[in-house]
């Protein structure tokens, strides 16, 4: 059985495991993006059947695979993609006439909603347009505003 893709938030953990049938003894070597892993600060089980990762950051994103070996040879499992999500943050905000263009960081394939409100003392946010699925690492959306209007914006990552 091959390891499964996983998507997590920063600070969370993930575990990859593989089920193998073959002549004993079996040895395991987990890799990230083709580079052998070693046990360390947030990596445990680099040479066991179950790889455990803790306190994940965006730097831990990548493709995880395992090489299983015995006296007859070795086989590399198919890779499982680990995606560590990050909260969206605005990259650029530009105003042209009565239009405001907002761009924010995104994870490809994830869904986002741009929201606004006119008063930060309120807890009510209003959706600006429909949800957007990221096709790259940045999303842009625009808002038509009056020349004297005040709005506060946020981009939220949807489940």
N, C-alpha and C. Protein backbone atom coordinates (compact mmCIF):
# COMPACT_ATOMS: atom_id res chain seq x y z
N UNK A 1 0.84 -1.16 0.00
CA UNK A 1 0.00 0.00 0.00
C UNK A 1 0.89 1.23 0.00
N UNK A 2 0.53 2.20 -0.84
CA UNK A 2 1.34 3.41 -1.01
C UNK A 2 0.90 4.48 -0.01
N UNK A 3 1.81 5.42 0.33
CA UNK A 3 1.43 6.53 1.20
C UNK A 3 0.43 7.46 0.50
N UNK A 4 -0.40 8.14 1.28
CA UNK A 4 -1.44 9.01 0.73
C UNK A 4 -1.05 10.48 0.82
N UNK A 5 -1.53 11.27 -0.14
CA UNK A 5 -1.34 12.72 -0.10
C UNK A 5 -1.96 13.29 1.16
N UNK A 6 -1.37 14.40 1.67
CA UNK A 6 -1.90 15.04 2.87
C UNK A 6 -1.78 16.55 2.74
N UNK A 7 -2.75 17.25 3.32
CA UNK A 7 -2.73 18.70 3.38
C UNK A 7 -2.92 19.10 4.84
N UNK A 8 -2.02 19.93 5.36
CA UNK A 8 -2.04 20.31 6.78
C UNK A 8 -1.76 21.80 6.93
N UNK A 9 -2.04 22.31 8.13
CA UNK A 9 -1.71 23.69 8.48
C UNK A 9 -0.32 23.73 9.12
N UNK A 10 0.35 24.86 9.07
CA UNK A 10 1.64 24.99 9.76
C UNK A 10 1.50 24.64 11.23
N UNK A 11 2.52 23.99 11.78
CA UNK A 11 2.53 23.61 13.17
C UNK A 11 1.92 22.25 13.43
N UNK A 12 1.19 21.73 12.47
CA UNK A 12 0.58 20.40 12.63
C UNK A 12 1.59 19.31 12.30
N UNK A 13 1.16 18.08 12.39
CA UNK A 13 2.00 16.94 12.05
C UNK A 13 1.37 16.12 10.94
N UNK A 14 2.14 15.19 10.43
CA UNK A 14 1.67 14.27 9.39
C UNK A 14 2.43 12.96 9.54
N UNK A 15 1.79 11.89 9.12
CA UNK A 15 2.44 10.57 9.14
C UNK A 15 2.20 9.89 7.80
N UNK A 16 3.26 9.35 7.25
CA UNK A 16 3.18 8.56 6.02
C UNK A 16 3.53 7.12 6.38
N UNK A 17 2.80 6.20 5.81
CA UNK A 17 3.12 4.80 6.08
C UNK A 17 2.95 4.00 4.81
N UNK A 18 3.62 2.86 4.80
CA UNK A 18 3.57 1.97 3.66
C UNK A 18 3.39 0.55 4.18
N UNK A 19 2.62 -0.25 3.47
CA UNK A 19 2.46 -1.66 3.80
C UNK A 19 3.16 -2.46 2.70
N UNK A 20 4.03 -3.38 3.11
CA UNK A 20 4.87 -4.10 2.17
C UNK A 20 4.84 -5.59 2.47
N UNK A 21 4.83 -6.38 1.42
CA UNK A 21 4.99 -7.82 1.57
C UNK A 21 6.26 -8.22 0.82
N UNK A 22 7.11 -8.99 1.46
CA UNK A 22 8.36 -9.41 0.83
C UNK A 22 9.20 -10.21 1.79
N UNK A 23 10.29 -10.72 1.27
CA UNK A 23 11.20 -11.55 2.07
C UNK A 23 11.91 -10.68 3.12
N UNK A 24 11.87 -11.14 4.36
CA UNK A 24 12.52 -10.42 5.46
C UNK A 24 14.02 -10.66 5.41
N UNK A 25 14.80 -9.77 5.96
CA UNK A 25 14.40 -8.50 6.58
C UNK A 25 14.21 -7.41 5.53
N UNK A 26 13.26 -6.54 5.79
CA UNK A 26 13.01 -5.39 4.92
C UNK A 26 13.62 -4.14 5.54
N UNK A 27 14.18 -3.29 4.72
CA UNK A 27 14.70 -2.01 5.21
C UNK A 27 13.98 -0.88 4.46
N UNK A 28 13.86 0.24 5.14
CA UNK A 28 13.11 1.38 4.60
C UNK A 28 13.98 2.62 4.61
N UNK A 29 13.82 3.45 3.59
CA UNK A 29 14.48 4.76 3.55
C UNK A 29 13.49 5.75 2.95
N UNK A 30 13.01 6.66 3.79
CA UNK A 30 12.08 7.69 3.32
C UNK A 30 12.86 8.83 2.69
N UNK A 31 12.25 9.44 1.67
CA UNK A 31 12.84 10.56 0.96
C UNK A 31 11.82 11.69 0.81
N UNK A 32 12.33 12.90 0.75
CA UNK A 32 11.51 14.06 0.36
C UNK A 32 12.11 14.64 -0.89
N UNK A 33 11.32 14.68 -1.94
CA UNK A 33 11.77 15.18 -3.25
C UNK A 33 13.04 14.45 -3.71
N UNK A 34 13.10 13.13 -3.43
CA UNK A 34 14.21 12.31 -3.89
C UNK A 34 15.45 12.35 -3.02
N UNK A 35 15.43 13.10 -1.93
CA UNK A 35 16.58 13.22 -1.02
C UNK A 35 16.29 12.40 0.24
N UNK A 36 17.24 11.55 0.64
CA UNK A 36 17.06 10.73 1.84
C UNK A 36 16.85 11.60 3.08
N UNK A 37 15.91 11.19 3.91
CA UNK A 37 15.64 11.87 5.18
C UNK A 37 16.41 11.19 6.30
N UNK A 38 16.71 11.95 7.33
CA UNK A 38 17.29 11.39 8.55
C UNK A 38 16.44 11.86 9.73
N UNK A 39 16.43 11.05 10.78
CA UNK A 39 15.69 11.45 11.97
C UNK A 39 16.32 12.70 12.56
N UNK A 40 15.48 13.61 13.02
CA UNK A 40 15.98 14.87 13.57
C UNK A 40 14.87 15.59 14.30
N UNK A 41 14.98 16.91 14.32
CA UNK A 41 14.08 17.77 15.10
C UNK A 41 12.61 17.45 14.87
N UNK A 42 12.17 17.41 13.63
CA UNK A 42 10.74 17.16 13.39
C UNK A 42 10.50 15.93 12.51
N UNK A 43 11.52 15.10 12.35
CA UNK A 43 11.42 13.88 11.53
C UNK A 43 11.73 12.67 12.39
N UNK A 44 10.83 11.69 12.35
CA UNK A 44 11.02 10.45 13.08
C UNK A 44 10.59 9.29 12.20
N UNK A 45 11.39 8.24 12.16
CA UNK A 45 11.05 7.06 11.37
C UNK A 45 11.59 7.09 9.95
N UNK A 46 12.65 7.84 9.72
CA UNK A 46 13.21 7.95 8.37
C UNK A 46 13.63 6.61 7.79
N UNK A 47 13.89 5.62 8.65
CA UNK A 47 14.29 4.29 8.17
C UNK A 47 13.34 3.21 8.71
N UNK A 48 12.08 3.61 8.94
CA UNK A 48 11.07 2.65 9.40
C UNK A 48 9.87 2.69 8.46
N UNK A 49 8.92 1.82 8.72
CA UNK A 49 7.73 1.71 7.86
C UNK A 49 6.84 2.94 7.97
N UNK A 50 6.85 3.60 9.11
CA UNK A 50 6.02 4.79 9.33
C UNK A 50 6.92 6.01 9.55
N UNK A 51 6.72 7.02 8.73
CA UNK A 51 7.44 8.28 8.85
C UNK A 51 6.52 9.28 9.55
N UNK A 52 7.02 9.90 10.61
CA UNK A 52 6.24 10.89 11.36
C UNK A 52 6.93 12.24 11.28
N UNK A 53 6.16 13.25 10.91
CA UNK A 53 6.66 14.62 10.82
C UNK A 53 5.86 15.48 11.80
N UNK A 54 6.54 16.35 12.52
CA UNK A 54 5.87 17.21 13.49
C UNK A 54 6.22 18.67 13.25
N UNK A 55 5.42 19.57 13.82
CA UNK A 55 5.66 21.01 13.76
C UNK A 55 6.03 21.46 12.34
N UNK A 56 5.16 21.13 11.40
CA UNK A 56 5.45 21.37 9.99
C UNK A 56 5.43 22.84 9.61
N UNK A 57 6.29 23.18 8.65
CA UNK A 57 6.33 24.52 8.06
C UNK A 57 6.18 24.36 6.55
N UNK A 58 6.04 25.46 5.87
CA UNK A 58 5.91 25.43 4.42
C UNK A 58 7.13 24.75 3.79
N UNK A 59 8.30 24.87 4.42
CA UNK A 59 9.52 24.24 3.91
C UNK A 59 9.43 22.72 3.87
N UNK A 60 8.51 22.13 4.65
CA UNK A 60 8.34 20.68 4.67
C UNK A 60 7.46 20.18 3.53
N UNK A 61 6.84 21.08 2.79
CA UNK A 61 6.01 20.66 1.65
C UNK A 61 6.88 19.93 0.63
N UNK A 62 6.31 18.96 -0.03
CA UNK A 62 7.04 18.23 -1.06
C UNK A 62 6.46 16.85 -1.27
N UNK A 63 7.18 16.06 -2.06
CA UNK A 63 6.76 14.69 -2.37
C UNK A 63 7.57 13.72 -1.53
N UNK A 64 6.86 12.92 -0.74
CA UNK A 64 7.49 11.94 0.15
C UNK A 64 7.31 10.55 -0.44
N UNK A 65 8.41 9.81 -0.52
CA UNK A 65 8.38 8.44 -1.03
C UNK A 65 9.30 7.58 -0.18
N UNK A 66 9.17 6.27 -0.32
CA UNK A 66 9.98 5.35 0.47
C UNK A 66 10.62 4.33 -0.46
N UNK A 67 11.87 4.02 -0.18
CA UNK A 67 12.58 2.94 -0.88
C UNK A 67 12.62 1.76 0.09
N UNK A 68 12.06 0.64 -0.35
CA UNK A 68 12.03 -0.57 0.46
C UNK A 68 12.99 -1.57 -0.16
N UNK A 69 13.88 -2.12 0.68
CA UNK A 69 14.92 -3.03 0.18
C UNK A 69 14.94 -4.32 1.00
N UNK A 70 15.41 -5.38 0.34
CA UNK A 70 15.74 -6.63 1.02
C UNK A 70 16.88 -7.28 0.22
N UNK A 71 17.20 -8.51 0.52
CA UNK A 71 18.34 -9.17 -0.14
C UNK A 71 18.10 -9.39 -1.63
N UNK A 72 16.87 -9.28 -2.09
CA UNK A 72 16.54 -9.50 -3.50
C UNK A 72 16.56 -8.22 -4.33
N UNK A 73 16.61 -7.06 -3.67
CA UNK A 73 16.63 -5.80 -4.41
C UNK A 73 15.87 -4.72 -3.68
N UNK A 74 15.46 -3.69 -4.43
CA UNK A 74 14.74 -2.58 -3.83
C UNK A 74 13.64 -2.09 -4.76
N UNK A 75 12.68 -1.40 -4.18
CA UNK A 75 11.58 -0.80 -4.94
C UNK A 75 11.25 0.54 -4.30
N UNK A 76 10.97 1.52 -5.14
CA UNK A 76 10.60 2.84 -4.66
C UNK A 76 9.10 3.01 -4.81
N UNK A 77 8.45 3.39 -3.72
CA UNK A 77 7.01 3.61 -3.75
C UNK A 77 6.67 4.89 -4.50
N UNK A 78 5.40 4.99 -4.88
CA UNK A 78 4.96 6.22 -5.53
C UNK A 78 4.96 7.33 -4.49
N UNK A 79 5.20 8.53 -4.92
CA UNK A 79 5.30 9.66 -3.99
C UNK A 79 3.95 10.14 -3.51
N UNK A 80 3.92 10.62 -2.27
CA UNK A 80 2.73 11.25 -1.69
C UNK A 80 3.04 12.72 -1.48
N UNK A 81 2.15 13.57 -1.91
CA UNK A 81 2.37 15.00 -1.81
C UNK A 81 1.94 15.52 -0.45
N UNK A 82 2.84 16.21 0.23
CA UNK A 82 2.52 16.91 1.47
C UNK A 82 2.41 18.39 1.15
N UNK A 83 1.25 18.95 1.41
CA UNK A 83 1.03 20.37 1.21
C UNK A 83 0.82 21.02 2.57
N UNK A 84 1.68 21.96 2.92
CA UNK A 84 1.52 22.71 4.15
C UNK A 84 0.93 24.06 3.75
N UNK A 85 -0.32 24.26 4.15
CA UNK A 85 -1.03 25.49 3.78
C UNK A 85 -0.48 26.67 4.57
N UNK A 86 -0.71 27.82 4.04
CA UNK A 86 -0.31 29.03 4.74
C UNK A 86 -1.45 30.02 4.64
N UNK A 87 -1.64 30.83 5.66
CA UNK A 87 -2.72 31.82 5.59
C UNK A 87 -2.43 32.81 4.46
N UNK A 88 -3.46 33.22 3.75
CA UNK A 88 -3.22 34.19 2.68
C UNK A 88 -2.77 35.53 3.24
N UNK A 89 -1.90 36.19 2.51
CA UNK A 89 -1.49 37.54 2.91
C UNK A 89 -1.46 38.41 1.65
N UNK A 90 -1.93 39.64 1.82
CA UNK A 90 -2.00 40.53 0.68
C UNK A 90 -0.59 40.86 0.18
N UNK A 91 -0.44 40.82 -1.14
CA UNK A 91 0.84 41.13 -1.78
C UNK A 91 0.84 42.55 -2.33
N UNK A 92 -0.22 42.89 -3.07
CA UNK A 92 -0.33 44.24 -3.63
C UNK A 92 -1.78 44.71 -3.56
N UNK A 93 -1.93 46.01 -3.39
CA UNK A 93 -3.24 46.65 -3.44
C UNK A 93 -3.04 47.94 -4.23
N UNK A 94 -3.74 48.05 -5.36
CA UNK A 94 -3.60 49.23 -6.22
C UNK A 94 -4.98 49.80 -6.53
N UNK A 95 -5.04 51.12 -6.58
CA UNK A 95 -6.29 51.80 -6.89
C UNK A 95 -6.15 52.53 -8.21
N UNK A 96 -7.16 52.38 -9.05
CA UNK A 96 -7.21 53.08 -10.33
C UNK A 96 -8.64 53.57 -10.52
N UNK A 97 -8.83 54.87 -10.54
CA UNK A 97 -10.16 55.47 -10.60
C UNK A 97 -11.02 54.93 -9.47
N UNK A 98 -12.12 54.26 -9.77
CA UNK A 98 -13.00 53.73 -8.73
C UNK A 98 -12.87 52.22 -8.60
N UNK A 99 -11.73 51.70 -8.94
CA UNK A 99 -11.50 50.26 -8.84
C UNK A 99 -10.27 49.98 -7.99
N UNK A 100 -10.41 49.01 -7.12
CA UNK A 100 -9.31 48.59 -6.26
C UNK A 100 -8.94 47.16 -6.66
N UNK A 101 -7.67 46.91 -6.95
CA UNK A 101 -7.19 45.58 -7.31
C UNK A 101 -6.37 45.05 -6.14
N UNK A 102 -6.76 43.85 -5.65
CA UNK A 102 -6.09 43.22 -4.52
C UNK A 102 -5.50 41.89 -4.97
N UNK A 103 -4.25 41.64 -4.59
CA UNK A 103 -3.59 40.36 -4.89
C UNK A 103 -3.09 39.77 -3.59
N UNK A 104 -3.26 38.45 -3.42
CA UNK A 104 -2.80 37.80 -2.20
C UNK A 104 -2.16 36.46 -2.50
N UNK A 105 -1.34 36.00 -1.57
CA UNK A 105 -0.66 34.72 -1.71
C UNK A 105 -1.68 33.60 -1.61
N UNK A 106 -1.42 32.51 -2.33
CA UNK A 106 -2.37 31.40 -2.37
C UNK A 106 -1.63 30.09 -2.59
N UNK A 107 -2.31 29.00 -2.27
CA UNK A 107 -1.80 27.66 -2.55
C UNK A 107 -2.61 27.11 -3.72
N UNK A 108 -1.91 26.70 -4.75
CA UNK A 108 -2.57 26.22 -5.96
C UNK A 108 -3.58 25.12 -5.63
N UNK A 109 -4.79 25.25 -6.19
CA UNK A 109 -5.84 24.27 -5.98
C UNK A 109 -6.72 24.53 -4.78
N UNK A 110 -6.32 25.47 -3.90
CA UNK A 110 -7.12 25.79 -2.72
C UNK A 110 -8.14 26.88 -3.05
N UNK A 111 -9.23 26.91 -2.29
CA UNK A 111 -10.31 27.86 -2.52
C UNK A 111 -10.24 29.00 -1.51
N UNK A 112 -10.49 30.22 -2.00
CA UNK A 112 -10.43 31.42 -1.18
C UNK A 112 -11.68 32.27 -1.38
N UNK A 113 -11.96 33.08 -0.38
CA UNK A 113 -13.06 34.04 -0.48
C UNK A 113 -12.53 35.41 -0.04
N UNK A 114 -12.71 36.41 -0.88
CA UNK A 114 -12.37 37.77 -0.52
C UNK A 114 -13.58 38.38 0.18
N UNK A 115 -13.33 39.01 1.32
CA UNK A 115 -14.41 39.62 2.10
C UNK A 115 -14.04 41.05 2.46
N UNK A 116 -15.09 41.84 2.78
CA UNK A 116 -14.86 43.22 3.19
C UNK A 116 -15.85 43.60 4.29
N UNK A 117 -15.52 44.69 4.95
CA UNK A 117 -16.44 45.35 5.87
C UNK A 117 -16.07 46.82 5.90
N UNK A 118 -17.00 47.64 6.37
CA UNK A 118 -16.76 49.08 6.38
C UNK A 118 -16.40 49.61 7.76
N UNK A 119 -16.52 48.75 8.78
CA UNK A 119 -16.27 49.20 10.15
C UNK A 119 -15.62 48.05 10.92
N UNK A 120 -14.42 48.24 11.41
CA UNK A 120 -13.72 47.16 12.12
C UNK A 120 -14.32 46.87 13.50
N UNK A 121 -15.24 47.70 13.96
CA UNK A 121 -15.93 47.40 15.22
C UNK A 121 -17.02 46.35 15.02
N UNK A 122 -17.33 46.05 13.79
CA UNK A 122 -18.36 45.06 13.47
C UNK A 122 -17.71 43.68 13.28
N UNK A 123 -18.47 42.64 13.56
CA UNK A 123 -17.97 41.29 13.32
C UNK A 123 -18.52 40.71 12.01
N UNK A 124 -19.32 41.51 11.30
CA UNK A 124 -19.92 41.04 10.05
C UNK A 124 -19.03 41.34 8.86
N UNK A 125 -18.63 40.29 8.17
CA UNK A 125 -17.87 40.42 6.94
C UNK A 125 -18.78 40.04 5.78
N UNK A 126 -18.59 40.68 4.64
CA UNK A 126 -19.42 40.43 3.47
C UNK A 126 -18.55 39.85 2.35
N UNK A 127 -19.07 38.82 1.70
CA UNK A 127 -18.34 38.23 0.57
C UNK A 127 -18.31 39.19 -0.59
N UNK A 128 -17.16 39.31 -1.20
CA UNK A 128 -16.98 40.13 -2.39
C UNK A 128 -16.83 39.15 -3.55
N UNK A 129 -17.88 38.97 -4.31
CA UNK A 129 -17.86 38.01 -5.40
C UNK A 129 -17.98 36.59 -4.87
N UNK A 130 -17.68 35.63 -5.73
CA UNK A 130 -17.78 34.22 -5.34
C UNK A 130 -16.39 33.70 -4.97
N UNK A 131 -16.37 32.48 -4.47
CA UNK A 131 -15.08 31.88 -4.10
C UNK A 131 -14.21 31.72 -5.33
N UNK A 132 -12.89 31.73 -5.08
CA UNK A 132 -11.91 31.64 -6.17
C UNK A 132 -10.99 30.47 -5.87
N UNK A 133 -10.78 29.62 -6.87
CA UNK A 133 -9.82 28.52 -6.74
C UNK A 133 -8.50 28.96 -7.34
N UNK A 134 -7.43 28.87 -6.55
CA UNK A 134 -6.12 29.34 -7.00
C UNK A 134 -5.56 28.43 -8.09
N UNK A 135 -5.12 29.03 -9.17
CA UNK A 135 -4.46 28.28 -10.24
C UNK A 135 -2.95 28.51 -10.20
N UNK A 136 -2.50 29.38 -9.29
CA UNK A 136 -1.07 29.64 -9.11
C UNK A 136 -0.85 30.09 -7.68
N UNK A 137 0.31 30.66 -7.40
CA UNK A 137 0.64 31.09 -6.04
C UNK A 137 0.12 32.46 -5.66
N UNK A 138 -0.62 33.09 -6.58
CA UNK A 138 -1.19 34.41 -6.32
C UNK A 138 -2.59 34.50 -6.91
N UNK A 139 -3.48 35.17 -6.20
CA UNK A 139 -4.83 35.42 -6.69
C UNK A 139 -5.05 36.92 -6.71
N UNK A 140 -5.79 37.39 -7.71
CA UNK A 140 -6.15 38.80 -7.79
C UNK A 140 -7.66 38.93 -7.94
N UNK A 141 -8.21 39.97 -7.34
CA UNK A 141 -9.63 40.28 -7.48
C UNK A 141 -9.77 41.79 -7.38
N UNK A 142 -10.87 42.31 -7.92
CA UNK A 142 -11.07 43.76 -7.88
C UNK A 142 -12.39 44.09 -7.20
N UNK A 143 -12.47 45.33 -6.74
CA UNK A 143 -13.66 45.84 -6.09
C UNK A 143 -13.92 47.24 -6.63
N UNK A 144 -15.17 47.50 -7.04
CA UNK A 144 -15.57 48.85 -7.46
C UNK A 144 -15.95 49.62 -6.21
N UNK A 145 -15.30 50.74 -6.01
CA UNK A 145 -15.54 51.53 -4.79
C UNK A 145 -15.84 52.97 -5.16
N UNK A 146 -16.59 53.63 -4.29
CA UNK A 146 -16.84 55.05 -4.47
C UNK A 146 -15.59 55.82 -4.06
N UNK A 147 -15.45 57.02 -4.53
CA UNK A 147 -14.22 57.79 -4.28
C UNK A 147 -14.01 58.09 -2.80
N UNK A 148 -15.07 58.12 -2.00
CA UNK A 148 -14.90 58.45 -0.58
C UNK A 148 -15.21 57.26 0.33
N UNK A 149 -15.30 56.07 -0.21
CA UNK A 149 -15.67 54.92 0.62
C UNK A 149 -14.45 54.36 1.36
N UNK A 150 -14.75 53.76 2.49
CA UNK A 150 -13.70 53.11 3.30
C UNK A 150 -14.09 51.66 3.47
N UNK A 151 -13.17 50.75 3.13
CA UNK A 151 -13.42 49.33 3.30
C UNK A 151 -12.17 48.65 3.85
N UNK A 152 -12.42 47.61 4.60
CA UNK A 152 -11.36 46.75 5.12
C UNK A 152 -11.54 45.39 4.47
N UNK A 153 -10.43 44.76 4.09
CA UNK A 153 -10.50 43.51 3.34
C UNK A 153 -9.78 42.39 4.07
N UNK A 154 -10.23 41.18 3.78
CA UNK A 154 -9.51 39.98 4.21
C UNK A 154 -9.76 38.90 3.17
N UNK A 155 -8.78 38.04 3.00
CA UNK A 155 -8.92 36.86 2.14
C UNK A 155 -8.87 35.65 3.07
N UNK A 156 -9.85 34.76 2.95
CA UNK A 156 -9.89 33.59 3.82
C UNK A 156 -9.74 32.32 2.99
N UNK A 157 -9.07 31.35 3.56
CA UNK A 157 -8.91 30.05 2.95
C UNK A 157 -10.13 29.22 3.31
N UNK A 158 -10.79 28.66 2.32
CA UNK A 158 -11.99 27.86 2.56
C UNK A 158 -11.62 26.39 2.72
N UNK A 159 -12.44 25.65 3.49
CA UNK A 159 -12.16 24.22 3.67
C UNK A 159 -12.38 23.44 2.39
